[in-house]
Amino acid sequence: MIKITKLGLDAAFRAFIAQELYVHSEATSYLFVRNFKVQLEEALIAGEGPYRIALKFDGQGWLRMEALTHYEETAEGRLLLAGFDDLGRMNVALHLGKEPFPE
């Protein structure tokens, strides 16, 4: 994974705009969702690091994640985002893919 830059991550999000996709998201101890199928309408990036990401779906709802620090685009066409603390522990994750994630 590489550190998030707004320009790099914005370019990665563009591949998913107006596309049906699957979302996997988790935050340590309090959130876990997997394979929600949605159409991404808009992706916003805020902050100077760690970053806040807001995704607008189907004109109906939003998902907002905070404390994201790194991302990776995979060979399978997935976009993986994660937030690591000062000790290198992952606290949050947000994954987008055009195919369902393995159960």
N, C-alpha and C. Protein backbone atom coordinates (compact mmCIF):
# COMPACT_ATOMS: atom_id res chain seq x y z
N MET A 1 0.84 -1.17 0.00
CA MET A 1 0.00 0.00 0.00
C MET A 1 0.89 1.24 0.00
N ILE A 2 0.36 2.31 -0.59
CA ILE A 2 1.10 3.56 -0.62
C ILE A 2 0.32 4.63 0.16
N LYS A 3 1.02 5.65 0.62
CA LYS A 3 0.35 6.73 1.33
C LYS A 3 -0.60 7.47 0.40
N ILE A 4 -1.73 7.86 0.94
CA ILE A 4 -2.73 8.57 0.16
C ILE A 4 -2.22 9.96 -0.21
N THR A 5 -2.41 10.29 -1.50
CA THR A 5 -2.33 11.66 -1.97
C THR A 5 -3.69 11.95 -2.58
N LYS A 6 -4.17 13.16 -2.44
CA LYS A 6 -5.50 13.48 -2.98
C LYS A 6 -5.56 13.25 -4.49
N LEU A 7 -4.53 13.66 -5.22
CA LEU A 7 -4.55 13.48 -6.68
C LEU A 7 -4.55 12.01 -7.07
N GLY A 8 -3.71 11.22 -6.42
CA GLY A 8 -3.64 9.80 -6.75
C GLY A 8 -4.93 9.07 -6.42
N LEU A 9 -5.49 9.34 -5.25
CA LEU A 9 -6.71 8.66 -4.86
C LEU A 9 -7.90 9.13 -5.69
N ASP A 10 -7.95 10.41 -6.01
CA ASP A 10 -9.03 10.91 -6.86
C ASP A 10 -9.01 10.20 -8.21
N ALA A 11 -7.85 10.01 -8.78
CA ALA A 11 -7.73 9.30 -10.06
C ALA A 11 -8.21 7.86 -9.92
N ALA A 12 -7.89 7.22 -8.81
CA ALA A 12 -8.32 5.84 -8.58
C ALA A 12 -9.84 5.75 -8.44
N PHE A 13 -10.45 6.71 -7.76
CA PHE A 13 -11.90 6.72 -7.60
C PHE A 13 -12.63 6.90 -8.93
N ARG A 14 -12.04 7.65 -9.85
CA ARG A 14 -12.71 7.91 -11.13
C ARG A 14 -13.08 6.64 -11.88
N ALA A 15 -12.31 5.58 -11.72
CA ALA A 15 -12.61 4.30 -12.39
C ALA A 15 -13.89 3.67 -11.87
N PHE A 16 -14.39 4.14 -10.74
CA PHE A 16 -15.58 3.55 -10.12
C PHE A 16 -16.82 4.43 -10.22
N ILE A 17 -16.66 5.70 -10.62
CA ILE A 17 -17.81 6.61 -10.72
C ILE A 17 -18.77 6.10 -11.80
N ALA A 18 -20.06 6.14 -11.49
CA ALA A 18 -21.14 5.70 -12.38
C ALA A 18 -21.06 4.21 -12.70
N GLN A 19 -20.43 3.44 -11.82
CA GLN A 19 -20.31 2.00 -11.98
C GLN A 19 -21.00 1.29 -10.81
N GLU A 20 -21.55 0.13 -11.10
CA GLU A 20 -22.02 -0.72 -10.00
C GLU A 20 -20.80 -1.35 -9.36
N LEU A 21 -20.78 -1.34 -8.03
CA LEU A 21 -19.65 -1.91 -7.34
C LEU A 21 -20.07 -2.52 -6.03
N TYR A 22 -19.15 -3.25 -5.46
CA TYR A 22 -19.35 -3.88 -4.16
C TYR A 22 -18.45 -3.19 -3.14
N VAL A 23 -18.99 -3.01 -1.95
CA VAL A 23 -18.27 -2.31 -0.89
C VAL A 23 -18.01 -3.26 0.28
N HIS A 24 -16.79 -3.23 0.75
CA HIS A 24 -16.43 -3.87 2.01
C HIS A 24 -15.86 -2.76 2.88
N SER A 25 -16.35 -2.66 4.11
CA SER A 25 -15.88 -1.61 5.01
C SER A 25 -15.85 -2.15 6.43
N GLU A 26 -14.82 -1.76 7.15
CA GLU A 26 -14.77 -2.14 8.56
C GLU A 26 -13.97 -1.12 9.35
N ALA A 27 -14.34 -1.02 10.59
CA ALA A 27 -13.62 -0.19 11.55
C ALA A 27 -13.49 -1.02 12.82
N THR A 28 -12.30 -1.03 13.38
CA THR A 28 -12.01 -1.88 14.52
C THR A 28 -13.08 -1.78 15.59
N SER A 29 -13.64 -2.90 15.92
CA SER A 29 -14.57 -3.08 17.04
C SER A 29 -15.98 -2.53 16.85
N TYR A 30 -16.27 -1.81 15.74
CA TYR A 30 -17.61 -1.27 15.71
C TYR A 30 -18.31 -1.25 14.36
N LEU A 31 -17.69 -1.71 13.29
CA LEU A 31 -18.37 -1.68 12.00
C LEU A 31 -17.82 -2.77 11.11
N PHE A 32 -18.72 -3.47 10.43
CA PHE A 32 -18.31 -4.44 9.42
C PHE A 32 -19.45 -4.59 8.43
N VAL A 33 -19.20 -4.29 7.17
CA VAL A 33 -20.16 -4.52 6.09
C VAL A 33 -19.40 -5.16 4.93
N ARG A 34 -20.08 -6.02 4.20
CA ARG A 34 -19.41 -6.72 3.10
C ARG A 34 -20.40 -6.94 1.97
N ASN A 35 -19.94 -6.66 0.77
CA ASN A 35 -20.67 -6.93 -0.47
C ASN A 35 -22.00 -6.21 -0.59
N PHE A 36 -22.03 -4.96 -0.14
CA PHE A 36 -23.16 -4.10 -0.46
C PHE A 36 -22.99 -3.70 -1.92
N LYS A 37 -24.00 -3.95 -2.72
CA LYS A 37 -23.93 -3.60 -4.14
C LYS A 37 -24.59 -2.24 -4.34
N VAL A 38 -23.83 -1.30 -4.87
CA VAL A 38 -24.31 0.07 -5.04
C VAL A 38 -23.75 0.63 -6.36
N GLN A 39 -24.27 1.78 -6.73
CA GLN A 39 -23.68 2.52 -7.84
C GLN A 39 -23.07 3.80 -7.26
N LEU A 40 -21.79 3.98 -7.51
CA LEU A 40 -21.08 5.13 -6.96
C LEU A 40 -21.36 6.36 -7.81
N GLU A 41 -21.81 7.41 -7.15
CA GLU A 41 -22.14 8.65 -7.83
C GLU A 41 -21.07 9.73 -7.66
N GLU A 42 -20.45 9.75 -6.47
CA GLU A 42 -19.48 10.79 -6.18
C GLU A 42 -18.53 10.31 -5.10
N ALA A 43 -17.27 10.75 -5.16
CA ALA A 43 -16.28 10.42 -4.14
C ALA A 43 -15.56 11.70 -3.74
N LEU A 44 -15.58 12.01 -2.45
CA LEU A 44 -14.94 13.22 -1.93
C LEU A 44 -13.82 12.84 -0.98
N ILE A 45 -12.72 13.58 -1.06
CA ILE A 45 -11.55 13.35 -0.21
C ILE A 45 -11.27 14.64 0.55
N ALA A 46 -11.16 14.56 1.87
CA ALA A 46 -10.91 15.75 2.68
C ALA A 46 -9.79 15.47 3.68
N GLY A 47 -9.16 16.53 4.12
CA GLY A 47 -8.11 16.41 5.12
C GLY A 47 -6.73 16.53 4.50
N GLU A 48 -5.76 16.52 5.37
CA GLU A 48 -4.35 16.61 4.97
C GLU A 48 -3.59 15.36 5.38
N GLY A 49 -4.28 14.38 5.88
CA GLY A 49 -3.70 13.13 6.32
C GLY A 49 -3.66 13.08 7.84
N PRO A 50 -4.32 12.08 8.42
CA PRO A 50 -5.19 11.10 7.77
C PRO A 50 -6.37 11.78 7.07
N TYR A 51 -6.96 11.03 6.15
CA TYR A 51 -7.99 11.58 5.27
C TYR A 51 -9.38 11.09 5.63
N ARG A 52 -10.37 11.88 5.24
CA ARG A 52 -11.78 11.50 5.31
C ARG A 52 -12.25 11.26 3.89
N ILE A 53 -12.99 10.18 3.71
CA ILE A 53 -13.53 9.83 2.40
C ILE A 53 -15.04 9.78 2.54
N ALA A 54 -15.75 10.40 1.61
CA ALA A 54 -17.21 10.34 1.59
C ALA A 54 -17.63 9.85 0.21
N LEU A 55 -18.42 8.79 0.18
CA LEU A 55 -18.90 8.21 -1.06
C LEU A 55 -20.41 8.35 -1.14
N LYS A 56 -20.90 8.88 -2.24
CA LYS A 56 -22.35 9.04 -2.45
C LYS A 56 -22.82 7.94 -3.38
N PHE A 57 -23.86 7.23 -2.94
CA PHE A 57 -24.37 6.08 -3.69
C PHE A 57 -25.76 6.33 -4.22
N ASP A 58 -25.99 5.98 -5.47
CA ASP A 58 -27.32 5.92 -6.06
C ASP A 58 -28.17 7.17 -5.81
N GLY A 59 -27.56 8.28 -5.48
CA GLY A 59 -28.32 9.47 -5.17
C GLY A 59 -29.14 9.34 -3.90
N GLN A 60 -28.90 8.30 -3.12
CA GLN A 60 -29.73 7.99 -1.96
C GLN A 60 -29.01 8.01 -0.63
N GLY A 61 -27.71 7.82 -0.63
CA GLY A 61 -27.04 7.73 0.66
C GLY A 61 -25.55 7.94 0.56
N TRP A 62 -24.93 8.07 1.71
CA TRP A 62 -23.51 8.33 1.82
C TRP A 62 -22.85 7.33 2.75
N LEU A 63 -21.58 7.05 2.50
CA LEU A 63 -20.72 6.33 3.42
C LEU A 63 -19.52 7.23 3.67
N ARG A 64 -19.22 7.48 4.93
CA ARG A 64 -18.07 8.31 5.27
C ARG A 64 -17.14 7.51 6.17
N MET A 65 -15.88 7.53 5.81
CA MET A 65 -14.84 6.86 6.59
C MET A 65 -13.79 7.89 6.96
N GLU A 66 -13.26 7.78 8.16
CA GLU A 66 -12.24 8.71 8.64
C GLU A 66 -10.95 7.95 8.96
N ALA A 67 -9.87 8.70 9.06
CA ALA A 67 -8.57 8.19 9.49
C ALA A 67 -7.92 7.25 8.48
N LEU A 68 -8.19 7.46 7.19
CA LEU A 68 -7.56 6.66 6.14
C LEU A 68 -6.19 7.23 5.80
N THR A 69 -5.21 6.34 5.62
CA THR A 69 -3.83 6.78 5.40
C THR A 69 -3.19 6.20 4.14
N HIS A 70 -3.64 5.02 3.69
CA HIS A 70 -2.98 4.31 2.59
C HIS A 70 -4.01 3.75 1.61
N TYR A 71 -3.55 3.48 0.38
CA TYR A 71 -4.41 2.82 -0.60
C TYR A 71 -3.60 1.99 -1.58
N GLU A 72 -4.32 1.14 -2.31
CA GLU A 72 -3.69 0.27 -3.29
C GLU A 72 -4.72 -0.08 -4.36
N GLU A 73 -4.30 -0.08 -5.60
CA GLU A 73 -5.13 -0.57 -6.70
C GLU A 73 -4.60 -1.96 -7.06
N THR A 74 -5.49 -2.95 -7.08
CA THR A 74 -5.04 -4.33 -7.31
C THR A 74 -5.16 -4.71 -8.78
N ALA A 75 -4.50 -5.80 -9.14
CA ALA A 75 -4.58 -6.33 -10.50
C ALA A 75 -6.00 -6.77 -10.85
N GLU A 76 -6.80 -7.10 -9.84
CA GLU A 76 -8.18 -7.52 -10.06
C GLU A 76 -9.13 -6.34 -10.22
N GLY A 77 -8.60 -5.12 -10.19
CA GLY A 77 -9.43 -3.94 -10.36
C GLY A 77 -10.10 -3.45 -9.08
N ARG A 78 -9.58 -3.85 -7.95
CA ARG A 78 -10.14 -3.39 -6.67
C ARG A 78 -9.35 -2.20 -6.16
N LEU A 79 -10.03 -1.38 -5.40
CA LEU A 79 -9.39 -0.25 -4.73
C LEU A 79 -9.48 -0.51 -3.24
N LEU A 80 -8.33 -0.64 -2.61
CA LEU A 80 -8.26 -0.96 -1.18
C LEU A 80 -7.72 0.25 -0.45
N LEU A 81 -8.43 0.70 0.57
CA LEU A 81 -7.99 1.81 1.41
C LEU A 81 -7.92 1.32 2.85
N ALA A 82 -6.95 1.87 3.59
CA ALA A 82 -6.81 1.48 4.99
C ALA A 82 -6.30 2.67 5.78
N GLY A 83 -6.58 2.64 7.07
CA GLY A 83 -6.07 3.65 7.99
C GLY A 83 -5.24 2.97 9.06
N PHE A 84 -3.99 3.37 9.18
CA PHE A 84 -3.08 2.79 10.16
C PHE A 84 -2.74 3.83 11.23
N ASP A 85 -2.62 3.37 12.47
CA ASP A 85 -2.23 4.28 13.55
C ASP A 85 -0.71 4.41 13.60
N ASP A 86 -0.21 5.14 14.58
CA ASP A 86 1.23 5.39 14.70
C ASP A 86 2.04 4.13 14.98
N LEU A 87 1.38 3.07 15.44
CA LEU A 87 2.07 1.81 15.72
C LEU A 87 1.94 0.83 14.56
N GLY A 88 1.34 1.26 13.45
CA GLY A 88 1.21 0.41 12.28
C GLY A 88 0.02 -0.52 12.31
N ARG A 89 -0.90 -0.33 13.25
CA ARG A 89 -2.09 -1.18 13.35
C ARG A 89 -3.19 -0.60 12.48
N MET A 90 -3.87 -1.48 11.73
CA MET A 90 -4.97 -1.03 10.89
C MET A 90 -6.21 -0.80 11.75
N ASN A 91 -6.81 0.38 11.63
CA ASN A 91 -8.01 0.71 12.38
C ASN A 91 -9.26 0.76 11.52
N VAL A 92 -9.11 1.12 10.25
CA VAL A 92 -10.26 1.20 9.35
C VAL A 92 -9.85 0.65 7.99
N ALA A 93 -10.85 0.14 7.26
CA ALA A 93 -10.62 -0.35 5.90
C ALA A 93 -11.84 -0.04 5.05
N LEU A 94 -11.59 0.29 3.80
CA LEU A 94 -12.64 0.52 2.82
C LEU A 94 -12.17 -0.08 1.51
N HIS A 95 -12.92 -1.04 1.00
CA HIS A 95 -12.54 -1.71 -0.24
C HIS A 95 -13.68 -1.59 -1.24
N LEU A 96 -13.33 -1.27 -2.48
CA LEU A 96 -14.30 -1.18 -3.57
C LEU A 96 -13.88 -2.15 -4.67
N GLY A 97 -14.87 -2.87 -5.22
CA GLY A 97 -14.58 -3.79 -6.30
C GLY A 97 -15.77 -3.96 -7.22
N LYS A 98 -15.50 -4.32 -8.46
CA LYS A 98 -16.58 -4.52 -9.43
C LYS A 98 -17.15 -5.94 -9.36
N GLU A 99 -16.50 -6.80 -8.61
CA GLU A 99 -16.97 -8.16 -8.35
C GLU A 99 -17.11 -8.33 -6.83
N PRO A 100 -17.99 -9.23 -6.39
CA PRO A 100 -18.13 -9.43 -4.94
C PRO A 100 -16.83 -9.88 -4.29
N PHE A 101 -16.65 -9.50 -3.03
CA PHE A 101 -15.49 -9.94 -2.27
C PHE A 101 -15.76 -11.35 -1.74
N PRO A 102 -14.73 -12.17 -1.61
CA PRO A 102 -14.94 -13.53 -1.09
C PRO A 102 -15.59 -13.49 0.30
N GLU A 103 -16.48 -14.43 0.53
CA GLU A 103 -17.11 -14.52 1.86
C GLU A 103 -16.11 -15.18 2.73
